[in-house]
Amino acid sequence: MLVTVSGRDGSQSSVEDTLKDFWSTRPRRQRQGRKVAGVAAGIARRYGIDPVIVRVALVVSAFYGGIGIVLYLLGWLFLADEDDEVSPFESMINKGRSSTSTGFTVLLCIALIPATSYLFHGGFGGDFGTLMTVLLVCAGAYVLHRSRGHLFRPTPTESSAPSAAGAPAASTAATAATASASSGVDAPVDSRPADDAPTTPPAWDPLGAAPFAWDLPEPSAPPTQQEPPPPPRRKSKVGPATVGISLLAVAGMLVASAAGGDWLTGRHMVGVVLAILGLGMVGGSFVRGGRGLFWLALPLSVVGIALTSSTVEHWNGAGELRAAPTTVAGVAPRYEQSLGDIQLDLTGLTGTGTVHTKVDVGVGKAMVQVPTNAAVEVHCSTGFGAVDCLDHQSNGSDLRANVTEPGSGGLKIELDVHAGSGDVEVRRG
């Protein structure tokens, strides 16, 4: 007989099969012999090698290039502990149980940002050296799994132990029942005399229609089957995961800004975080989670509106700013405040000349007082609020007012007053 067998054998001939098997049978972090998180011990146990070799390789690659730190953090995040269901990262996205807390998992994710930044910007040999190091590590992991992946493969957790424990008792009971049924011995017969028979009908025969069966025992009431309690509601991890991703995004933007991204300002960061929080709230609506994200998004939205509508590019403090210069030279070119009020009093100016200054507040009120006899050219604007520009008043959003008034003295004041969200007021003192 000729038998033809087609298809792949168990040797994982393709790269895709090897990668799939590498992920599905990835090592588990060991508790015994661990130094930090058990990553090196888990890799050594999985592939049957000395853990010292793995530790030396990680330490050397950490000092020369920094990839060892990245690999260890990735192993900590994506390799499950030997007593856990899933890895810390999978537990954070609600895939199962892990002994690593969600907060610590978020910290590990944040730690990946500077480690990866150092790998690609401060690594050994520049960009080419970093690329070659990554390729060598990937090739080494592939060859290691191809040659030793069949060793010490993790086995699924036995889930039938409780039922198996009750098997001997059930088998004994079944054997006893079979033996009793198959034996030819008759059951003992009630041999009490007829005089001892009951004379009153039992409860199951109130009419006394079957006196021949009154000696039978009372039927027992069927046991009431209680409904099982509802399973405890699993707490959604959408909120912590969204906050963690937001922190990762902020850390990444800070690294990008430090690396030369001058265009990346606070308003961009707030916008990205708000977008992530919005996606988290939308996703949480399907699993009844993430409700607390609203209270984080609410103040951030106010700050975002202020930063977007304000011309202040950077944080310039909060609180109340008061200024009252008495000379033309003492007037600053700009008065800025990110959050709070600005009160500029120019009524004490003496002499002649031209004064030009700009008042800008992100969220709050901007108020300027000018002398009664000065010529004034003022431009008032606000993103949302009220404008009172030399008695020209309006309320609403995106308001602008340009007013020019002559004066009797030789002093001319040119003002540009703006509020991102708040009130603007210019009046004569």
Protein backbone atom coordinates (compact mmCIF):
# COMPACT_ATOMS: atom_id res chain seq x y z
CA MET A 1 0.00 0.00 0.00
CA LEU A 2 1.31 3.44 -0.95
CA VAL A 3 0.35 6.24 1.41
CA THR A 4 1.06 9.84 0.45
CA VAL A 5 1.08 12.48 3.16
CA SER A 6 1.13 16.14 2.16
CA GLY A 7 1.39 19.32 4.15
CA ARG A 8 3.83 20.77 6.63
CA ASP A 9 5.50 18.64 9.23
CA GLY A 10 6.12 19.63 12.83
CA SER A 11 9.51 21.21 12.14
CA GLN A 12 8.06 24.71 11.46
CA SER A 13 9.54 25.04 8.00
CA SER A 14 8.35 28.59 7.36
CA VAL A 15 9.34 31.82 9.04
CA GLU A 16 5.70 32.61 9.75
CA ASP A 17 5.18 29.34 11.60
CA THR A 18 8.31 29.94 13.65
CA LEU A 19 7.20 33.43 14.64
CA LYS A 20 3.71 32.23 15.57
CA ASP A 21 5.14 29.40 17.63
CA PHE A 22 7.64 31.78 19.25
CA TRP A 23 4.79 34.00 20.46
CA SER A 24 2.40 31.24 21.52
CA THR A 25 5.11 29.38 23.48
CA ARG A 26 7.02 32.41 24.73
CA PRO A 27 8.82 32.01 28.06
CA ARG A 28 7.28 32.69 31.43
CA ARG A 29 9.10 34.77 34.00
CA GLN A 30 10.44 32.55 36.75
CA ARG A 31 10.16 33.23 40.48
CA GLN A 32 12.93 30.87 41.44
CA GLY A 33 16.37 32.29 40.77
CA ARG A 34 15.17 35.68 39.61
CA LYS A 35 17.27 38.79 40.16
CA VAL A 36 14.80 41.51 39.16
CA ALA A 37 11.72 40.36 37.27
CA GLY A 38 12.72 36.84 36.22
CA VAL A 39 13.05 37.64 32.50
CA ALA A 40 16.52 36.14 32.09
CA ALA A 41 15.63 33.12 34.22
CA GLY A 42 12.47 32.56 32.17
CA ILE A 43 14.32 32.69 28.84
CA ALA A 44 17.00 30.33 30.14
CA ARG A 45 14.40 27.90 31.48
CA ARG A 46 12.42 27.94 28.22
CA TYR A 47 15.38 27.13 25.97
CA GLY A 48 17.44 25.05 28.37
CA ILE A 49 20.49 27.31 28.68
CA ASP A 50 22.42 28.78 31.59
CA PRO A 51 20.71 31.95 32.92
CA VAL A 52 24.13 33.54 33.44
CA ILE A 53 24.58 33.61 29.67
CA VAL A 54 21.31 35.47 29.21
CA ARG A 55 22.11 37.95 31.97
CA VAL A 56 25.57 38.70 30.59
CA ALA A 57 24.12 39.23 27.10
CA LEU A 58 21.49 41.64 28.43
CA VAL A 59 23.98 43.62 30.51
CA VAL A 60 26.53 43.92 27.69
CA SER A 61 23.87 44.97 25.18
CA ALA A 62 22.53 47.48 27.71
CA PHE A 63 25.90 49.23 28.02
CA TYR A 64 26.72 49.07 24.30
CA GLY A 65 23.72 50.43 22.46
CA GLY A 66 21.01 50.27 25.11
CA ILE A 67 18.98 47.52 23.47
CA GLY A 68 19.38 45.31 26.54
CA ILE A 69 17.30 47.73 28.61
CA VAL A 70 14.58 47.83 25.95
CA LEU A 71 14.52 44.03 25.69
CA TYR A 72 14.27 43.59 29.45
CA LEU A 73 11.40 46.09 29.71
CA LEU A 74 9.61 44.39 26.81
CA GLY A 75 10.08 41.02 28.49
CA TRP A 76 8.73 42.41 31.74
CA LEU A 77 5.67 43.73 29.91
CA PHE A 78 4.87 40.87 27.53
CA LEU A 79 6.08 37.74 29.38
CA ALA A 80 3.64 36.42 31.95
CA ASP A 81 4.72 35.34 35.40
CA GLU A 82 4.71 31.58 35.92
CA ASP A 83 1.69 31.88 38.27
CA ASP A 84 -0.30 34.39 36.18
CA GLU A 85 -2.81 33.94 33.39
CA VAL A 86 -1.45 36.63 31.07
CA SER A 87 1.34 39.17 30.84
CA PRO A 88 1.14 42.57 32.61
CA PHE A 89 0.39 44.40 29.35
CA GLU A 90 -2.39 41.97 28.41
CA SER A 91 -3.85 42.33 31.89
CA MET A 92 -3.85 46.12 31.50
CA ILE A 93 -6.06 45.80 28.40
CA ASN A 94 -8.41 43.41 30.23
CA LYS A 95 -7.23 40.13 28.69
CA GLY A 96 -6.82 38.23 31.94
CA ARG A 97 -5.29 38.27 35.42
CA SER A 98 -1.75 39.28 36.32
CA SER A 99 -0.07 39.84 39.67
CA THR A 100 1.53 43.04 38.34
CA SER A 101 -0.61 46.08 39.13
CA THR A 102 -1.93 48.32 36.38
CA GLY A 103 -0.13 51.35 37.79
CA PHE A 104 3.23 49.60 37.72
CA THR A 105 2.55 48.39 34.17
CA VAL A 106 1.93 51.98 33.12
CA LEU A 107 5.26 52.97 34.69
CA LEU A 108 7.00 50.24 32.69
CA CYS A 109 5.43 51.57 29.50
CA ILE A 110 6.61 55.08 30.35
CA ALA A 111 10.12 53.77 31.04
CA LEU A 112 10.20 52.43 27.48
CA ILE A 113 10.10 55.98 26.09
CA PRO A 114 13.53 57.19 27.29
CA ALA A 115 15.03 53.73 26.79
CA THR A 116 13.91 53.63 23.15
CA SER A 117 14.98 57.25 22.65
CA TYR A 118 18.48 56.43 23.92
CA LEU A 119 18.59 53.37 21.68
CA PHE A 120 17.97 55.37 18.52
CA HIS A 121 19.73 58.62 19.44
CA GLY A 122 22.53 57.75 21.83
CA GLY A 123 23.27 54.21 20.81
CA PHE A 124 26.62 52.73 19.88
CA GLY A 125 27.65 53.36 16.27
CA GLY A 126 24.91 55.83 15.33
CA ASP A 127 21.79 54.92 13.40
CA PHE A 128 23.55 52.21 11.37
CA GLY A 129 24.95 50.59 14.50
CA THR A 130 21.54 50.63 16.16
CA LEU A 131 19.91 49.06 13.11
CA MET A 132 22.55 46.34 12.93
CA THR A 133 22.16 45.62 16.66
CA VAL A 134 18.40 45.23 16.33
CA LEU A 135 18.80 42.95 13.31
CA LEU A 136 21.38 40.80 15.12
CA VAL A 137 19.13 40.43 18.16
CA CYS A 138 16.15 39.45 16.01
CA ALA A 139 18.25 36.96 14.04
CA GLY A 140 19.68 35.48 17.24
CA ALA A 141 16.21 35.04 18.76
CA TYR A 142 14.97 33.39 15.56
CA VAL A 143 17.88 30.93 15.38
CA LEU A 144 17.57 30.13 19.09
CA HIS A 145 13.90 29.28 18.76
CA ARG A 146 14.44 27.24 15.61
CA SER A 147 17.13 25.14 17.25
CA ARG A 148 15.83 24.85 20.81
CA GLY A 149 12.16 25.80 20.60
CA HIS A 150 11.09 22.18 21.15
CA LEU A 151 12.61 22.15 24.63
CA PHE A 152 10.58 22.84 27.76
CA ARG A 153 7.48 24.00 25.93
CA PRO A 154 4.91 25.49 28.34
CA THR A 155 1.89 23.27 28.96
CA PRO A 156 -1.66 24.57 29.46
CA THR A 157 -2.91 24.75 33.03
CA GLU A 158 -4.87 21.71 34.13
CA SER A 159 -8.41 22.90 34.75
CA SER A 160 -10.05 19.56 35.45
CA ALA A 161 -8.31 18.78 38.74
CA PRO A 162 -11.37 19.41 40.96
CA SER A 163 -13.58 17.18 38.88
CA ALA A 164 -10.91 14.49 38.75
CA ALA A 165 -10.61 14.54 42.53
CA GLY A 166 -14.26 13.58 42.87
CA ALA A 167 -13.99 10.75 40.37
CA PRO A 168 -12.97 7.96 42.82
CA ALA A 169 -15.90 8.70 45.10
CA ALA A 170 -18.33 8.76 42.21
CA SER A 171 -16.87 5.54 40.83
CA THR A 172 -17.17 3.84 44.21
CA ALA A 173 -20.77 4.92 44.54
CA ALA A 174 -21.59 3.72 41.06
CA THR A 175 -19.93 0.35 41.73
CA ALA A 176 -21.84 -0.07 44.94
CA ALA A 177 -25.10 0.77 43.23
CA THR A 178 -24.41 -1.70 40.44
CA ALA A 179 -23.53 -4.43 42.87
CA SER A 180 -26.68 -3.84 44.86
CA ALA A 181 -28.85 -3.84 41.77
CA SER A 182 -27.26 -6.94 40.25
CA SER A 183 -27.32 -9.05 43.41
CA GLY A 184 -30.20 -11.44 43.62
CA VAL A 185 -30.93 -10.73 47.29
CA ASP A 186 -34.42 -9.47 47.94
CA ALA A 187 -34.90 -6.34 49.97
CA PRO A 188 -36.09 -6.86 53.54
CA VAL A 189 -39.84 -6.94 53.90
CA ASP A 190 -41.74 -5.15 56.65
CA SER A 191 -42.68 -7.98 59.02
CA ARG A 192 -44.64 -6.01 61.57
CA PRO A 193 -48.12 -7.44 62.40
CA ALA A 194 -51.25 -6.07 60.93
CA ASP A 195 -52.36 -4.65 64.27
CA ASP A 196 -49.51 -2.16 64.09
CA ALA A 197 -50.77 -0.73 60.79
CA PRO A 198 -51.70 2.97 60.91
CA THR A 199 -55.40 3.75 61.38
CA THR A 200 -55.42 7.37 60.21
CA PRO A 201 -54.74 8.38 56.63
CA PRO A 202 -51.45 10.13 56.00
CA ALA A 203 -51.20 13.64 54.63
CA TRP A 204 -50.77 12.43 51.07
CA ASP A 205 -54.13 10.56 51.22
CA PRO A 206 -56.55 12.87 53.04
CA LEU A 207 -59.64 10.99 51.72
CA GLY A 208 -58.40 7.59 52.87
CA ALA A 209 -58.81 6.06 49.42
CA ALA A 210 -55.73 3.80 49.66
CA PRO A 211 -55.48 2.31 53.18
CA PHE A 212 -53.28 -0.50 51.88
CA ALA A 213 -50.51 2.03 51.26
CA TRP A 214 -50.75 4.05 54.47
CA ASP A 215 -47.64 2.37 55.82
CA LEU A 216 -45.51 3.98 53.13
CA PRO A 217 -43.32 6.87 54.30
CA GLU A 218 -44.32 10.43 53.69
CA PRO A 219 -42.89 11.78 50.45
CA SER A 220 -40.13 14.28 51.02
CA ALA A 221 -40.55 17.71 49.54
CA PRO A 222 -38.34 18.36 46.53
CA PRO A 223 -35.32 20.44 47.46
CA THR A 224 -35.67 24.04 46.50
CA GLN A 225 -33.03 24.93 43.99
CA GLN A 226 -31.64 28.36 44.69
CA GLU A 227 -30.58 30.50 41.81
CA PRO A 228 -26.81 30.91 41.69
CA PRO A 229 -25.63 34.38 42.62
CA PRO A 230 -24.70 36.56 39.68
CA PRO A 231 -21.00 36.50 38.91
CA PRO A 232 -19.12 39.49 40.30
CA ARG A 233 -18.83 42.26 37.80
CA ARG A 234 -15.34 42.54 36.47
CA LYS A 235 -13.93 46.00 36.89
CA SER A 236 -13.17 47.58 33.55
CA LYS A 237 -9.59 48.65 32.92
CA VAL A 238 -10.44 51.08 30.16
CA GLY A 239 -9.84 54.06 32.44
CA PRO A 240 -6.37 53.08 33.70
CA ALA A 241 -5.32 51.93 30.25
CA THR A 242 -6.43 55.24 28.69
CA VAL A 243 -4.59 57.24 31.34
CA GLY A 244 -1.51 55.12 30.78
CA ILE A 245 -1.61 55.67 27.03
CA SER A 246 -2.06 59.40 27.64
CA LEU A 247 1.03 59.45 29.85
CA LEU A 248 2.95 57.56 27.19
CA ALA A 249 1.86 60.09 24.59
CA VAL A 250 2.92 63.01 26.79
CA ALA A 251 6.28 61.38 27.48
CA GLY A 252 6.81 60.78 23.78
CA MET A 253 5.93 64.37 22.91
CA LEU A 254 8.29 65.66 25.58
CA VAL A 255 11.09 63.56 24.12
CA ALA A 256 10.26 64.81 20.63
CA SER A 257 10.19 68.40 21.85
CA ALA A 258 13.56 67.99 23.57
CA ALA A 259 14.99 66.49 20.39
CA GLY A 260 14.23 69.63 18.41
CA GLY A 261 10.49 69.70 17.86
CA ASP A 262 10.00 73.42 18.51
CA TRP A 263 6.61 73.34 16.80
CA LEU A 264 5.29 70.99 19.51
CA THR A 265 3.75 73.32 22.08
CA GLY A 266 1.46 72.87 25.05
CA ARG A 267 -1.66 73.28 22.96
CA HIS A 268 -0.62 70.35 20.77
CA MET A 269 0.02 68.14 23.79
CA VAL A 270 -3.32 69.01 25.36
CA GLY A 271 -5.07 68.30 22.06
CA VAL A 272 -3.45 64.87 21.70
CA VAL A 273 -4.31 63.93 25.29
CA LEU A 274 -7.91 65.07 24.81
CA ALA A 275 -8.16 62.96 21.66
CA ILE A 276 -6.90 59.89 23.55
CA LEU A 277 -9.31 60.53 26.43
CA GLY A 278 -12.17 60.91 23.95
CA LEU A 279 -11.36 57.58 22.32
CA GLY A 280 -11.16 56.01 25.77
CA MET A 281 -14.59 57.32 26.71
CA VAL A 282 -16.07 56.08 23.43
CA GLY A 283 -14.53 52.64 23.93
CA GLY A 284 -15.57 52.60 27.57
CA SER A 285 -19.19 53.22 26.64
CA PHE A 286 -19.33 49.74 25.10
CA VAL A 287 -17.96 47.98 28.20
CA ARG A 288 -19.43 50.30 30.85
CA GLY A 289 -16.10 51.68 31.92
CA GLY A 290 -13.97 54.78 31.73
CA ARG A 291 -16.57 57.10 33.26
CA GLY A 292 -13.97 58.83 35.40
CA LEU A 293 -12.18 60.03 32.27
CA PHE A 294 -14.76 62.79 31.94
CA TRP A 295 -13.49 64.57 35.05
CA LEU A 296 -9.99 64.52 33.60
CA ALA A 297 -11.08 65.71 30.18
CA LEU A 298 -13.20 68.59 31.49
CA PRO A 299 -10.40 70.77 32.94
CA LEU A 300 -8.10 69.82 30.08
CA SER A 301 -10.69 71.04 27.58
CA VAL A 302 -10.82 74.41 29.33
CA VAL A 303 -7.05 74.66 29.22
CA GLY A 304 -7.06 73.57 25.59
CA ILE A 305 -9.57 76.24 24.61
CA ALA A 306 -7.52 78.86 26.39
CA LEU A 307 -4.25 77.79 24.80
CA THR A 308 -5.78 77.51 21.34
CA SER A 309 -7.44 80.90 21.37
CA SER A 310 -4.55 82.65 23.09
CA THR A 311 -1.51 84.02 21.31
CA VAL A 312 0.67 83.09 24.31
CA GLU A 313 2.96 80.36 23.04
CA HIS A 314 4.35 79.17 26.37
CA TRP A 315 3.28 79.03 29.99
CA ASN A 316 3.63 82.45 31.56
CA GLY A 317 2.32 81.88 35.04
CA ALA A 318 -0.99 82.11 36.84
CA GLY A 319 -2.56 84.57 39.25
CA GLU A 320 -3.02 88.32 39.17
CA LEU A 321 -0.58 90.63 37.40
CA ARG A 322 -0.68 94.34 38.27
CA ALA A 323 1.47 97.03 36.65
CA ALA A 324 1.38 100.83 36.96
CA PRO A 325 4.33 102.42 35.12
CA THR A 326 4.82 106.17 35.51
CA THR A 327 7.15 106.86 32.57
CA VAL A 328 7.02 106.05 28.89
CA ALA A 329 10.27 104.10 29.16
CA GLY A 330 8.86 102.06 32.03
CA VAL A 331 6.09 100.52 29.92
CA ALA A 332 6.97 96.91 28.99
CA PRO A 333 6.46 95.75 25.39
CA ARG A 334 4.27 92.83 26.54
CA TYR A 335 2.24 91.84 29.57
CA GLU A 336 1.34 88.13 29.45
CA GLN A 337 -0.38 85.71 31.79
CA SER A 338 -1.54 82.20 30.98
CA LEU A 339 -4.16 81.95 33.72
CA GLY A 340 -5.50 84.82 35.83
CA ASP A 341 -6.05 88.58 35.52
CA ILE A 342 -3.92 91.43 34.19
CA GLN A 343 -4.51 94.99 35.37
CA LEU A 344 -2.42 97.64 33.62
CA ASP A 345 -2.77 101.21 34.88
CA LEU A 346 -1.33 103.82 32.50
CA THR A 347 -2.99 106.82 34.09
CA GLY A 348 0.23 107.80 35.82
CA LEU A 349 2.16 108.35 32.58
CA THR A 350 3.58 111.83 32.16
CA GLY A 351 5.31 113.60 29.34
CA THR A 352 4.92 113.14 25.62
CA GLY A 353 5.71 110.40 23.15
CA THR A 354 4.23 107.18 21.83
CA VAL A 355 3.66 104.07 23.90
CA HIS A 356 3.05 100.70 22.28
CA THR A 357 2.33 97.61 24.39
CA LYS A 358 0.47 94.34 24.18
CA VAL A 359 -1.63 92.66 26.88
CA ASP A 360 -2.40 88.95 26.47
CA VAL A 361 -4.11 86.60 28.93
CA GLY A 362 -4.96 82.96 28.23
CA VAL A 363 -7.87 82.46 30.63
CA GLY A 364 -9.00 85.42 32.71
CA LYS A 365 -9.57 89.15 32.44
CA ALA A 366 -7.44 91.86 30.83
CA MET A 367 -8.13 95.43 31.99
CA VAL A 368 -6.24 98.58 30.93
CA GLN A 369 -6.75 102.15 32.16
CA VAL A 370 -5.48 105.00 30.00
CA PRO A 371 -5.17 108.74 30.78
CA THR A 372 -8.14 110.93 30.00
CA ASN A 373 -6.15 113.35 27.81
CA ALA A 374 -4.10 110.80 25.80
CA ALA A 375 -4.67 109.84 22.19
CA VAL A 376 -5.55 106.15 22.13
CA GLU A 377 -5.50 103.53 19.36
CA VAL A 378 -6.68 100.21 20.80
CA HIS A 379 -7.39 96.76 19.34
CA CYS A 380 -9.49 94.53 21.63
CA SER A 381 -10.25 90.84 21.01
CA THR A 382 -11.37 87.73 22.89
CA GLY A 383 -12.03 84.16 21.90
CA PHE A 384 -14.99 83.82 24.23
CA GLY A 385 -16.28 86.38 26.70
CA ALA A 386 -17.07 90.11 26.71
CA VAL A 387 -15.38 93.20 25.27
CA ASP A 388 -15.70 96.74 26.65
CA CYS A 389 -13.32 98.78 24.55
CA LEU A 390 -13.73 102.48 25.40
CA ASP A 391 -17.49 102.02 25.81
CA HIS A 392 -17.80 99.82 22.72
CA GLN A 393 -19.36 96.71 24.28
CA SER A 394 -20.20 93.23 22.96
CA ASN A 395 -20.59 89.66 24.24
CA GLY A 396 -20.08 86.29 22.57
CA SER A 397 -17.26 84.45 20.84
CA ASP A 398 -14.48 85.60 18.54
CA LEU A 399 -15.07 89.27 19.32
CA ARG A 400 -12.96 92.12 17.95
CA ALA A 401 -13.14 95.88 18.41
CA ASN A 402 -10.84 98.57 16.99
CA VAL A 403 -11.22 102.04 18.48
CA THR A 404 -9.25 105.22 17.86
CA GLU A 405 -9.79 108.38 19.92
CA PRO A 406 -7.84 111.66 19.79
CA GLY A 407 -6.31 113.33 22.85
CA SER A 408 -5.49 116.85 23.98
CA GLY A 409 -1.97 116.16 25.26
CA GLY A 410 1.15 115.04 23.48
CA LEU A 411 0.91 111.39 24.64
CA LYS A 412 -0.24 108.65 22.27
CA ILE A 413 -0.97 105.10 23.45
CA GLU A 414 -1.22 102.13 21.09
CA LEU A 415 -2.73 99.03 22.72
CA ASP A 416 -3.33 95.45 21.63
CA VAL A 417 -5.41 93.71 24.30
CA HIS A 418 -6.41 90.05 23.90
CA ALA A 419 -7.96 87.30 26.03
CA GLY A 420 -8.20 83.69 24.95
CA SER A 421 -11.21 83.04 27.15
CA GLY A 422 -12.40 85.90 29.33
CA ASP A 423 -13.20 89.60 29.38
CA VAL A 424 -11.32 92.53 27.85
CA GLU A 425 -11.83 96.04 29.19
CA VAL A 426 -10.16 99.32 28.20
CA ARG A 427 -11.34 102.54 29.81
CA ARG A 428 -10.15 106.01 30.60
CA GLY A 429 -9.10 106.62 34.19
